[in-house]
Amino acid sequence: MKGIVFTQFLEMVEEKFDYDMVNTIIQKSELPNNGAYTSVGKYNISELRTLVYNLHKETDIPLSDLFKDFGAYFFTFLARNYSHFLERADTLFDFFNSIHNHIHVEVKKLYPDAELPAFETLSINDQEMVMKYTSEKKLGDFAKGLLAKSAEYFNENVTITSKSLNESGTQIQFNINKVQ
């Protein structure tokens, strides 16, 4: 997993809690690199899971909520630093529909070794979109937070529900419905 995910997670922890919390979770995580991440480095997903788990232990915030919050935080980072990807879409559904076939293609040009999830549009109309998320990293709650924050960005009121399509959690179906 690209280091930018790790650096953004630690920035979120510092912003939402404080620097002492960052130090605490790094120390408790007993990481191979002692929490020294670079945005362009590549790291094991298990390290992120360990950091999130230790934040959960320190705060009693459910793991799923922490991953959703981080997904929302990460979207804000993407919107601030890669706004050109968002400017091409007129609506939330246009944006969602462009993730896999356009945005991820561009990301791969910048970071050829990036391991990206797949977002496949299963059905779409004016009021509802059904997407399938596939990732060996099993970050469905992170994806849900990212999707929810993108709805805010496009100023669209939606409900997002999800269901696992397999026992391992590598495939999630998201139903995004516009609320009138």
N, C-alpha and C. Protein backbone atom coordinates (compact mmCIF):
# COMPACT_ATOMS: atom_id res chain seq x y z
N MET A 1 0.85 -1.16 0.00
CA MET A 1 0.00 0.00 0.00
C MET A 1 0.90 1.24 0.00
N LYS A 2 0.50 2.23 -0.78
CA LYS A 2 1.30 3.45 -0.90
C LYS A 2 1.37 4.20 0.44
N GLY A 3 2.52 4.76 0.69
CA GLY A 3 2.77 5.45 1.94
C GLY A 3 1.88 6.65 2.17
N ILE A 4 1.37 7.25 1.11
CA ILE A 4 0.50 8.41 1.27
C ILE A 4 -0.71 8.07 2.14
N VAL A 5 -1.16 6.84 2.07
CA VAL A 5 -2.29 6.41 2.90
C VAL A 5 -1.88 6.44 4.38
N PHE A 6 -0.68 5.99 4.67
CA PHE A 6 -0.19 5.98 6.04
C PHE A 6 0.05 7.39 6.56
N THR A 7 0.68 8.23 5.74
CA THR A 7 0.97 9.59 6.20
C THR A 7 -0.32 10.36 6.44
N GLN A 8 -1.32 10.13 5.59
CA GLN A 8 -2.60 10.80 5.79
C GLN A 8 -3.32 10.28 7.02
N PHE A 9 -3.22 8.99 7.28
CA PHE A 9 -3.85 8.45 8.49
C PHE A 9 -3.25 9.09 9.73
N LEU A 10 -1.93 9.15 9.78
CA LEU A 10 -1.28 9.74 10.96
C LEU A 10 -1.59 11.23 11.09
N GLU A 11 -1.71 11.93 9.96
CA GLU A 11 -2.13 13.34 10.01
C GLU A 11 -3.54 13.47 10.56
N MET A 12 -4.44 12.55 10.14
CA MET A 12 -5.81 12.58 10.65
C MET A 12 -5.82 12.37 12.16
N VAL A 13 -5.05 11.41 12.64
CA VAL A 13 -5.00 11.14 14.08
C VAL A 13 -4.50 12.37 14.83
N GLU A 14 -3.46 12.99 14.31
CA GLU A 14 -2.93 14.18 14.97
C GLU A 14 -3.97 15.31 14.98
N GLU A 15 -4.66 15.49 13.86
CA GLU A 15 -5.66 16.55 13.75
C GLU A 15 -6.87 16.29 14.65
N LYS A 16 -7.36 15.06 14.68
CA LYS A 16 -8.57 14.74 15.44
C LYS A 16 -8.29 14.52 16.93
N PHE A 17 -7.09 14.10 17.26
CA PHE A 17 -6.73 13.83 18.65
C PHE A 17 -5.56 14.74 19.01
N ASP A 18 -4.36 14.26 18.92
CA ASP A 18 -3.18 15.09 19.13
C ASP A 18 -1.93 14.28 18.79
N TYR A 19 -0.79 14.95 18.87
CA TYR A 19 0.47 14.30 18.52
C TYR A 19 0.80 13.17 19.49
N ASP A 20 0.42 13.33 20.75
CA ASP A 20 0.66 12.26 21.72
C ASP A 20 -0.07 10.97 21.32
N MET A 21 -1.25 11.10 20.77
CA MET A 21 -2.00 9.92 20.33
C MET A 21 -1.27 9.23 19.17
N VAL A 22 -0.72 10.02 18.26
CA VAL A 22 0.07 9.46 17.16
C VAL A 22 1.22 8.64 17.74
N ASN A 23 1.96 9.21 18.66
CA ASN A 23 3.08 8.51 19.28
C ASN A 23 2.63 7.25 20.01
N THR A 24 1.53 7.34 20.71
CA THR A 24 1.02 6.20 21.47
C THR A 24 0.69 5.03 20.56
N ILE A 25 -0.06 5.30 19.47
CA ILE A 25 -0.45 4.18 18.60
C ILE A 25 0.75 3.62 17.83
N ILE A 26 1.70 4.48 17.49
CA ILE A 26 2.91 3.99 16.81
C ILE A 26 3.69 3.08 17.75
N GLN A 27 3.87 3.50 19.00
CA GLN A 27 4.62 2.69 19.96
C GLN A 27 3.93 1.35 20.22
N LYS A 28 2.61 1.39 20.39
CA LYS A 28 1.87 0.15 20.67
C LYS A 28 1.83 -0.77 19.46
N SER A 29 2.01 -0.23 18.28
CA SER A 29 1.91 -1.03 17.06
C SER A 29 3.17 -1.83 16.77
N GLU A 30 4.29 -1.46 17.37
CA GLU A 30 5.56 -2.17 17.16
C GLU A 30 5.81 -2.44 15.67
N LEU A 31 5.85 -1.37 14.91
CA LEU A 31 6.00 -1.42 13.46
C LEU A 31 7.45 -1.68 13.06
N PRO A 32 7.66 -2.34 11.93
CA PRO A 32 9.03 -2.63 11.49
C PRO A 32 9.85 -1.37 11.22
N ASN A 33 9.18 -0.27 10.87
CA ASN A 33 9.90 0.98 10.56
C ASN A 33 9.67 2.05 11.63
N ASN A 34 9.11 1.63 12.76
CA ASN A 34 8.83 2.54 13.88
C ASN A 34 7.95 3.72 13.49
N GLY A 35 7.08 3.53 12.50
CA GLY A 35 6.13 4.57 12.10
C GLY A 35 6.72 5.63 11.19
N ALA A 36 7.88 5.38 10.63
CA ALA A 36 8.51 6.34 9.72
C ALA A 36 8.05 6.03 8.30
N TYR A 37 7.02 6.71 7.86
CA TYR A 37 6.44 6.48 6.53
C TYR A 37 6.75 7.65 5.61
N THR A 38 6.98 7.33 4.34
CA THR A 38 7.10 8.38 3.33
C THR A 38 5.92 8.22 2.38
N SER A 39 5.49 9.31 1.81
CA SER A 39 4.30 9.26 0.95
C SER A 39 4.50 8.40 -0.28
N VAL A 40 5.71 8.26 -0.75
CA VAL A 40 5.96 7.46 -1.97
C VAL A 40 6.41 6.04 -1.67
N GLY A 41 6.62 5.72 -0.39
CA GLY A 41 7.03 4.37 -0.02
C GLY A 41 5.88 3.37 -0.20
N LYS A 42 6.21 2.11 -0.05
CA LYS A 42 5.22 1.05 -0.15
C LYS A 42 5.30 0.21 1.11
N TYR A 43 4.12 -0.01 1.74
CA TYR A 43 4.08 -0.67 3.04
C TYR A 43 2.97 -1.72 3.06
N ASN A 44 3.05 -2.60 4.04
CA ASN A 44 2.08 -3.67 4.17
C ASN A 44 0.78 -3.16 4.81
N ILE A 45 -0.34 -3.58 4.26
CA ILE A 45 -1.65 -3.19 4.77
C ILE A 45 -1.80 -3.57 6.24
N SER A 46 -1.14 -4.63 6.67
CA SER A 46 -1.26 -5.06 8.07
C SER A 46 -0.79 -3.97 9.03
N GLU A 47 0.16 -3.14 8.61
CA GLU A 47 0.63 -2.04 9.45
C GLU A 47 -0.47 -1.01 9.67
N LEU A 48 -1.21 -0.70 8.61
CA LEU A 48 -2.32 0.24 8.74
C LEU A 48 -3.39 -0.35 9.66
N ARG A 49 -3.72 -1.61 9.45
CA ARG A 49 -4.72 -2.25 10.32
C ARG A 49 -4.29 -2.21 11.78
N THR A 50 -3.01 -2.43 12.04
CA THR A 50 -2.50 -2.40 13.42
C THR A 50 -2.63 -1.00 14.01
N LEU A 51 -2.29 0.02 13.23
CA LEU A 51 -2.43 1.39 13.70
C LEU A 51 -3.88 1.74 14.01
N VAL A 52 -4.78 1.36 13.12
CA VAL A 52 -6.20 1.64 13.34
C VAL A 52 -6.70 0.87 14.56
N TYR A 53 -6.29 -0.38 14.70
CA TYR A 53 -6.71 -1.18 15.84
C TYR A 53 -6.24 -0.53 17.15
N ASN A 54 -5.00 -0.07 17.18
CA ASN A 54 -4.50 0.55 18.40
C ASN A 54 -5.18 1.89 18.68
N LEU A 55 -5.59 2.60 17.64
CA LEU A 55 -6.38 3.82 17.86
C LEU A 55 -7.74 3.44 18.46
N HIS A 56 -8.32 2.38 17.95
CA HIS A 56 -9.59 1.87 18.50
C HIS A 56 -9.43 1.53 19.99
N LYS A 57 -8.34 0.84 20.33
CA LYS A 57 -8.12 0.46 21.74
C LYS A 57 -7.96 1.69 22.63
N GLU A 58 -7.36 2.74 22.10
CA GLU A 58 -7.14 3.97 22.88
C GLU A 58 -8.39 4.82 23.02
N THR A 59 -9.29 4.75 22.02
CA THR A 59 -10.43 5.67 21.98
C THR A 59 -11.79 5.01 22.18
N ASP A 60 -11.86 3.70 22.06
CA ASP A 60 -13.12 2.95 22.10
C ASP A 60 -14.05 3.28 20.93
N ILE A 61 -13.53 3.93 19.91
CA ILE A 61 -14.31 4.18 18.69
C ILE A 61 -14.31 2.89 17.88
N PRO A 62 -15.48 2.42 17.43
CA PRO A 62 -15.52 1.17 16.66
C PRO A 62 -14.60 1.22 15.44
N LEU A 63 -13.98 0.09 15.14
CA LEU A 63 -13.07 0.01 13.99
C LEU A 63 -13.73 0.47 12.71
N SER A 64 -14.97 0.05 12.47
CA SER A 64 -15.66 0.43 11.22
C SER A 64 -15.81 1.94 11.14
N ASP A 65 -16.09 2.60 12.27
CA ASP A 65 -16.22 4.06 12.26
C ASP A 65 -14.87 4.73 11.99
N LEU A 66 -13.80 4.18 12.56
CA LEU A 66 -12.48 4.76 12.31
C LEU A 66 -12.11 4.65 10.84
N PHE A 67 -12.39 3.51 10.22
CA PHE A 67 -12.08 3.36 8.80
C PHE A 67 -12.96 4.29 7.95
N LYS A 68 -14.23 4.44 8.30
CA LYS A 68 -15.11 5.36 7.55
C LYS A 68 -14.62 6.79 7.70
N ASP A 69 -14.27 7.18 8.93
CA ASP A 69 -13.75 8.53 9.16
C ASP A 69 -12.47 8.77 8.36
N PHE A 70 -11.63 7.76 8.31
CA PHE A 70 -10.40 7.91 7.54
C PHE A 70 -10.69 8.01 6.05
N GLY A 71 -11.65 7.24 5.55
CA GLY A 71 -12.04 7.35 4.14
C GLY A 71 -12.51 8.76 3.81
N ALA A 72 -13.32 9.34 4.70
CA ALA A 72 -13.80 10.71 4.50
C ALA A 72 -12.63 11.70 4.53
N TYR A 73 -11.73 11.52 5.48
CA TYR A 73 -10.56 12.38 5.59
C TYR A 73 -9.69 12.29 4.34
N PHE A 74 -9.51 11.06 3.86
CA PHE A 74 -8.67 10.85 2.68
C PHE A 74 -9.30 11.49 1.44
N PHE A 75 -10.63 11.44 1.33
CA PHE A 75 -11.28 12.11 0.20
C PHE A 75 -10.98 13.60 0.24
N THR A 76 -11.04 14.21 1.41
CA THR A 76 -10.75 15.64 1.53
C THR A 76 -9.33 15.94 1.05
N PHE A 77 -8.39 15.08 1.40
CA PHE A 77 -7.02 15.22 0.92
C PHE A 77 -6.98 15.13 -0.61
N LEU A 78 -7.67 14.14 -1.17
CA LEU A 78 -7.70 13.98 -2.63
C LEU A 78 -8.34 15.20 -3.31
N ALA A 79 -9.43 15.69 -2.76
CA ALA A 79 -10.12 16.84 -3.35
C ALA A 79 -9.23 18.08 -3.33
N ARG A 80 -8.46 18.23 -2.28
CA ARG A 80 -7.58 19.39 -2.14
C ARG A 80 -6.37 19.28 -3.08
N ASN A 81 -5.83 18.10 -3.26
CA ASN A 81 -4.59 17.92 -4.00
C ASN A 81 -4.74 17.41 -5.42
N TYR A 82 -5.88 16.83 -5.72
CA TYR A 82 -6.11 16.26 -7.06
C TYR A 82 -7.49 16.68 -7.58
N SER A 83 -7.80 17.95 -7.41
CA SER A 83 -9.14 18.45 -7.76
C SER A 83 -9.46 18.27 -9.24
N HIS A 84 -8.44 18.19 -10.09
CA HIS A 84 -8.71 18.03 -11.53
C HIS A 84 -9.47 16.74 -11.81
N PHE A 85 -9.34 15.72 -10.97
CA PHE A 85 -10.12 14.50 -11.16
C PHE A 85 -11.60 14.75 -10.88
N LEU A 86 -11.88 15.63 -9.93
CA LEU A 86 -13.26 15.91 -9.55
C LEU A 86 -13.94 16.89 -10.50
N GLU A 87 -13.15 17.79 -11.05
CA GLU A 87 -13.71 18.83 -11.92
C GLU A 87 -14.27 18.27 -13.22
N ARG A 88 -13.87 17.08 -13.59
CA ARG A 88 -14.37 16.47 -14.82
C ARG A 88 -15.78 15.91 -14.68
N ALA A 89 -16.25 15.77 -13.46
CA ALA A 89 -17.57 15.19 -13.21
C ALA A 89 -18.58 16.29 -12.87
N ASP A 90 -19.76 16.20 -13.46
CA ASP A 90 -20.82 17.16 -13.17
C ASP A 90 -21.67 16.73 -11.98
N THR A 91 -21.76 15.44 -11.76
CA THR A 91 -22.60 14.92 -10.68
C THR A 91 -21.84 13.86 -9.89
N LEU A 92 -22.39 13.53 -8.77
CA LEU A 92 -21.82 12.49 -7.93
C LEU A 92 -21.73 11.16 -8.68
N PHE A 93 -22.81 10.79 -9.37
CA PHE A 93 -22.80 9.52 -10.10
C PHE A 93 -21.79 9.53 -11.24
N ASP A 94 -21.63 10.69 -11.90
CA ASP A 94 -20.59 10.80 -12.94
C ASP A 94 -19.22 10.52 -12.33
N PHE A 95 -18.99 11.10 -11.16
CA PHE A 95 -17.70 10.89 -10.49
C PHE A 95 -17.51 9.42 -10.13
N PHE A 96 -18.50 8.83 -9.47
CA PHE A 96 -18.39 7.41 -9.08
C PHE A 96 -18.14 6.53 -10.29
N ASN A 97 -18.85 6.83 -11.36
CA ASN A 97 -18.75 6.02 -12.57
C ASN A 97 -17.38 6.15 -13.24
N SER A 98 -16.67 7.24 -12.92
CA SER A 98 -15.36 7.48 -13.56
C SER A 98 -14.18 6.95 -12.75
N ILE A 99 -14.42 6.50 -11.54
CA ILE A 99 -13.31 6.12 -10.66
C ILE A 99 -12.43 5.05 -11.30
N HIS A 100 -13.03 3.95 -11.70
CA HIS A 100 -12.21 2.82 -12.16
C HIS A 100 -11.64 3.03 -13.56
N ASN A 101 -12.45 3.51 -14.48
CA ASN A 101 -12.00 3.60 -15.87
C ASN A 101 -11.25 4.88 -16.21
N HIS A 102 -11.32 5.88 -15.36
CA HIS A 102 -10.60 7.12 -15.67
C HIS A 102 -9.60 7.49 -14.57
N ILE A 103 -10.08 7.68 -13.37
CA ILE A 103 -9.23 8.16 -12.30
C ILE A 103 -8.12 7.16 -11.98
N HIS A 104 -8.49 5.89 -11.84
CA HIS A 104 -7.46 4.90 -11.51
C HIS A 104 -6.45 4.72 -12.64
N VAL A 105 -6.87 4.93 -13.87
CA VAL A 105 -5.93 4.88 -15.00
C VAL A 105 -4.89 5.99 -14.85
N GLU A 106 -5.36 7.19 -14.49
CA GLU A 106 -4.45 8.32 -14.30
C GLU A 106 -3.53 8.11 -13.10
N VAL A 107 -4.09 7.55 -12.02
CA VAL A 107 -3.28 7.27 -10.83
C VAL A 107 -2.16 6.29 -11.17
N LYS A 108 -2.49 5.27 -11.97
CA LYS A 108 -1.49 4.27 -12.36
C LYS A 108 -0.36 4.89 -13.18
N LYS A 109 -0.66 5.96 -13.93
CA LYS A 109 0.39 6.66 -14.66
C LYS A 109 1.36 7.33 -13.70
N LEU A 110 0.82 7.89 -12.61
CA LEU A 110 1.65 8.57 -11.63
C LEU A 110 2.38 7.58 -10.72
N TYR A 111 1.67 6.52 -10.34
CA TYR A 111 2.21 5.52 -9.41
C TYR A 111 1.99 4.12 -9.99
N PRO A 112 2.87 3.68 -10.90
CA PRO A 112 2.66 2.39 -11.57
C PRO A 112 2.54 1.19 -10.64
N ASP A 113 3.14 1.28 -9.46
CA ASP A 113 3.08 0.14 -8.54
C ASP A 113 1.92 0.23 -7.54
N ALA A 114 1.04 1.23 -7.72
CA ALA A 114 -0.11 1.35 -6.82
C ALA A 114 -1.05 0.16 -6.99
N GLU A 115 -1.51 -0.36 -5.87
CA GLU A 115 -2.46 -1.47 -5.88
C GLU A 115 -3.83 -0.89 -5.55
N LEU A 116 -4.61 -0.64 -6.58
CA LEU A 116 -5.88 0.07 -6.43
C LEU A 116 -7.06 -0.89 -6.37
N PRO A 117 -8.10 -0.49 -5.65
CA PRO A 117 -9.31 -1.30 -5.65
C PRO A 117 -10.04 -1.13 -6.97
N ALA A 118 -10.96 -2.03 -7.26
CA ALA A 118 -11.80 -1.90 -8.46
C ALA A 118 -13.18 -1.42 -8.03
N PHE A 119 -13.71 -0.45 -8.74
CA PHE A 119 -15.08 0.01 -8.56
C PHE A 119 -15.80 -0.23 -9.87
N GLU A 120 -16.75 -1.13 -9.86
CA GLU A 120 -17.49 -1.49 -11.08
C GLU A 120 -18.95 -1.06 -10.93
N THR A 121 -19.41 -0.27 -11.87
CA THR A 121 -20.81 0.14 -11.86
C THR A 121 -21.66 -1.03 -12.35
N LEU A 122 -22.56 -1.48 -11.49
CA LEU A 122 -23.45 -2.59 -11.86
C LEU A 122 -24.74 -2.09 -12.49
N SER A 123 -25.25 -0.97 -11.97
CA SER A 123 -26.44 -0.34 -12.57
C SER A 123 -26.47 1.12 -12.15
N ILE A 124 -27.11 1.92 -12.99
CA ILE A 124 -27.18 3.36 -12.71
C ILE A 124 -28.41 3.93 -13.39
N ASN A 125 -29.09 4.83 -12.68
CA ASN A 125 -30.15 5.66 -13.26
C ASN A 125 -30.08 7.01 -12.56
N ASP A 126 -31.08 7.85 -12.74
CA ASP A 126 -31.03 9.19 -12.17
C ASP A 126 -31.03 9.21 -10.64
N GLN A 127 -31.60 8.17 -10.03
CA GLN A 127 -31.78 8.17 -8.58
C GLN A 127 -30.93 7.16 -7.81
N GLU A 128 -30.41 6.16 -8.51
CA GLU A 128 -29.69 5.10 -7.81
C GLU A 128 -28.49 4.62 -8.62
N MET A 129 -27.45 4.29 -7.88
CA MET A 129 -26.28 3.67 -8.48
C MET A 129 -25.90 2.47 -7.63
N VAL A 130 -25.59 1.38 -8.28
CA VAL A 130 -25.12 0.18 -7.60
C VAL A 130 -23.69 -0.08 -8.08
N MET A 131 -22.78 -0.15 -7.12
CA MET A 131 -21.37 -0.35 -7.44
C MET A 131 -20.84 -1.57 -6.71
N LYS A 132 -19.88 -2.22 -7.35
CA LYS A 132 -19.18 -3.33 -6.71
C LYS A 132 -17.74 -2.90 -6.46
N TYR A 133 -17.34 -3.00 -5.21
CA TYR A 133 -15.98 -2.69 -4.78
C TYR A 133 -15.24 -4.00 -4.59
N THR A 134 -14.08 -4.11 -5.19
CA THR A 134 -13.26 -5.31 -5.04
C THR A 134 -11.85 -4.89 -4.65
N SER A 135 -11.37 -5.45 -3.53
CA SER A 135 -10.01 -5.18 -3.09
C SER A 135 -9.57 -6.27 -2.13
N GLU A 136 -8.39 -6.78 -2.37
CA GLU A 136 -7.81 -7.78 -1.46
C GLU A 136 -7.49 -7.15 -0.10
N LYS A 137 -7.44 -5.84 -0.03
CA LYS A 137 -7.12 -5.16 1.22
C LYS A 137 -8.30 -5.10 2.19
N LYS A 138 -9.50 -5.39 1.69
CA LYS A 138 -10.70 -5.46 2.55
C LYS A 138 -10.95 -4.14 3.28
N LEU A 139 -10.99 -3.05 2.55
CA LEU A 139 -11.20 -1.73 3.14
C LEU A 139 -12.57 -1.17 2.76
N GLY A 140 -13.60 -1.98 2.89
CA GLY A 140 -14.95 -1.56 2.54
C GLY A 140 -15.44 -0.37 3.34
N ASP A 141 -15.13 -0.32 4.64
CA ASP A 141 -15.56 0.82 5.46
C ASP A 141 -14.82 2.09 5.05
N PHE A 142 -13.55 1.97 4.71
CA PHE A 142 -12.79 3.11 4.18
C PHE A 142 -13.46 3.62 2.91
N ALA A 143 -13.80 2.70 2.00
CA ALA A 143 -14.46 3.09 0.75
C ALA A 143 -15.79 3.76 1.01
N LYS A 144 -16.54 3.26 1.98
CA LYS A 144 -17.84 3.85 2.31
C LYS A 144 -17.67 5.30 2.80
N GLY A 145 -16.66 5.53 3.62
CA GLY A 145 -16.39 6.90 4.09
C GLY A 145 -15.98 7.81 2.95
N LEU A 146 -15.18 7.29 2.04
CA LEU A 146 -14.75 8.05 0.87
C LEU A 146 -15.96 8.41 -0.01
N LEU A 147 -16.85 7.44 -0.21
CA LEU A 147 -18.05 7.69 -1.01
C LEU A 147 -18.96 8.72 -0.34
N ALA A 148 -19.13 8.61 0.96
CA ALA A 148 -20.00 9.54 1.69
C ALA A 148 -19.46 10.97 1.61
N LYS A 149 -18.16 11.13 1.77
CA LYS A 149 -17.56 12.47 1.70
C LYS A 149 -17.64 13.04 0.30
N SER A 150 -17.53 12.18 -0.72
CA SER A 150 -17.66 12.67 -2.08
C SER A 150 -19.08 13.16 -2.36
N ALA A 151 -20.07 12.55 -1.73
CA ALA A 151 -21.45 13.04 -1.88
C ALA A 151 -21.56 14.45 -1.32
N GLU A 152 -20.93 14.70 -0.18
CA GLU A 152 -20.91 16.05 0.39
C GLU A 152 -20.24 17.03 -0.58
N TYR A 153 -19.14 16.61 -1.17
CA TYR A 153 -18.40 17.46 -2.09
C TYR A 153 -19.30 17.90 -3.25
N PHE A 154 -20.09 16.97 -3.78
CA PHE A 154 -20.98 17.28 -4.89
C PHE A 154 -22.31 17.85 -4.43
N ASN A 155 -22.43 18.07 -3.11
CA ASN A 155 -23.64 18.66 -2.53
C ASN A 155 -24.89 17.87 -2.89
N GLU A 156 -24.77 16.55 -2.79
CA GLU A 156 -25.90 15.68 -3.08
C GLU A 156 -26.22 14.87 -1.84
N ASN A 157 -27.51 14.82 -1.52
CA ASN A 157 -27.98 14.09 -0.36
C ASN A 157 -28.27 12.65 -0.78
N VAL A 158 -27.54 11.71 -0.21
CA VAL A 158 -27.70 10.31 -0.58
C VAL A 158 -27.69 9.42 0.65
N THR A 159 -28.20 8.22 0.47
CA THR A 159 -27.99 7.17 1.46
C THR A 159 -27.06 6.15 0.80
N ILE A 160 -26.18 5.61 1.59
CA ILE A 160 -25.24 4.61 1.09
C ILE A 160 -25.37 3.38 1.97
N THR A 161 -25.76 2.30 1.35
CA THR A 161 -25.82 1.03 2.06
C THR A 161 -24.83 0.08 1.41
N SER A 162 -24.42 -0.89 2.19
CA SER A 162 -23.44 -1.83 1.66
C SER A 162 -23.75 -3.23 2.16
N LYS A 163 -23.32 -4.19 1.35
CA LYS A 163 -23.41 -5.59 1.78
C LYS A 163 -22.22 -6.33 1.20
N SER A 164 -21.72 -7.25 2.00
CA SER A 164 -20.59 -8.05 1.57
C SER A 164 -21.06 -9.08 0.56
N LEU A 165 -20.30 -9.25 -0.50
CA LEU A 165 -20.65 -10.23 -1.53
C LEU A 165 -19.90 -11.55 -1.34
N ASN A 166 -19.00 -11.57 -0.38
CA ASN A 166 -18.32 -12.83 -0.06
C ASN A 166 -17.91 -12.81 1.41
N GLU A 167 -17.53 -13.95 1.92
CA GLU A 167 -17.18 -14.06 3.33
C GLU A 167 -15.88 -13.36 3.69
N SER A 168 -14.98 -13.25 2.75
CA SER A 168 -13.67 -12.66 3.04
C SER A 168 -13.70 -11.13 3.13
N GLY A 169 -14.75 -10.50 2.61
CA GLY A 169 -14.83 -9.04 2.65
C GLY A 169 -14.07 -8.36 1.53
N THR A 170 -13.66 -9.12 0.53
CA THR A 170 -12.93 -8.51 -0.59
C THR A 170 -13.85 -7.93 -1.64
N GLN A 171 -15.14 -8.24 -1.56
CA GLN A 171 -16.11 -7.69 -2.51
C GLN A 171 -17.31 -7.15 -1.73
N ILE A 172 -17.60 -5.88 -1.97
CA ILE A 172 -18.70 -5.19 -1.30
C ILE A 172 -19.58 -4.56 -2.37
N GLN A 173 -20.87 -4.66 -2.20
CA GLN A 173 -21.80 -3.96 -3.08
C GLN A 173 -22.29 -2.72 -2.35
N PHE A 174 -22.16 -1.57 -3.01
CA PHE A 174 -22.67 -0.31 -2.49
C PHE A 174 -23.89 0.12 -3.27
N ASN A 175 -24.95 0.45 -2.56
CA ASN A 175 -26.14 1.04 -3.17
C ASN A 175 -26.20 2.49 -2.75
N ILE A 176 -26.13 3.39 -3.71
CA ILE A 176 -26.14 4.82 -3.44
C ILE A 176 -27.44 5.37 -4.00
N ASN A 177 -28.30 5.86 -3.10
CA ASN A 177 -29.62 6.36 -3.49
C ASN A 177 -29.73 7.84 -3.18
N LYS A 178 -30.18 8.62 -4.15
CA LYS A 178 -30.40 10.04 -3.92
C LYS A 178 -31.66 10.21 -3.07
N VAL A 179 -31.57 11.14 -2.13
CA VAL A 179 -32.69 11.44 -1.25
C VAL A 179 -33.28 12.77 -1.69
N GLN A 180 -34.58 12.78 -1.90
CA GLN A 180 -35.24 14.03 -2.35
C GLN A 180 -35.48 14.98 -1.22
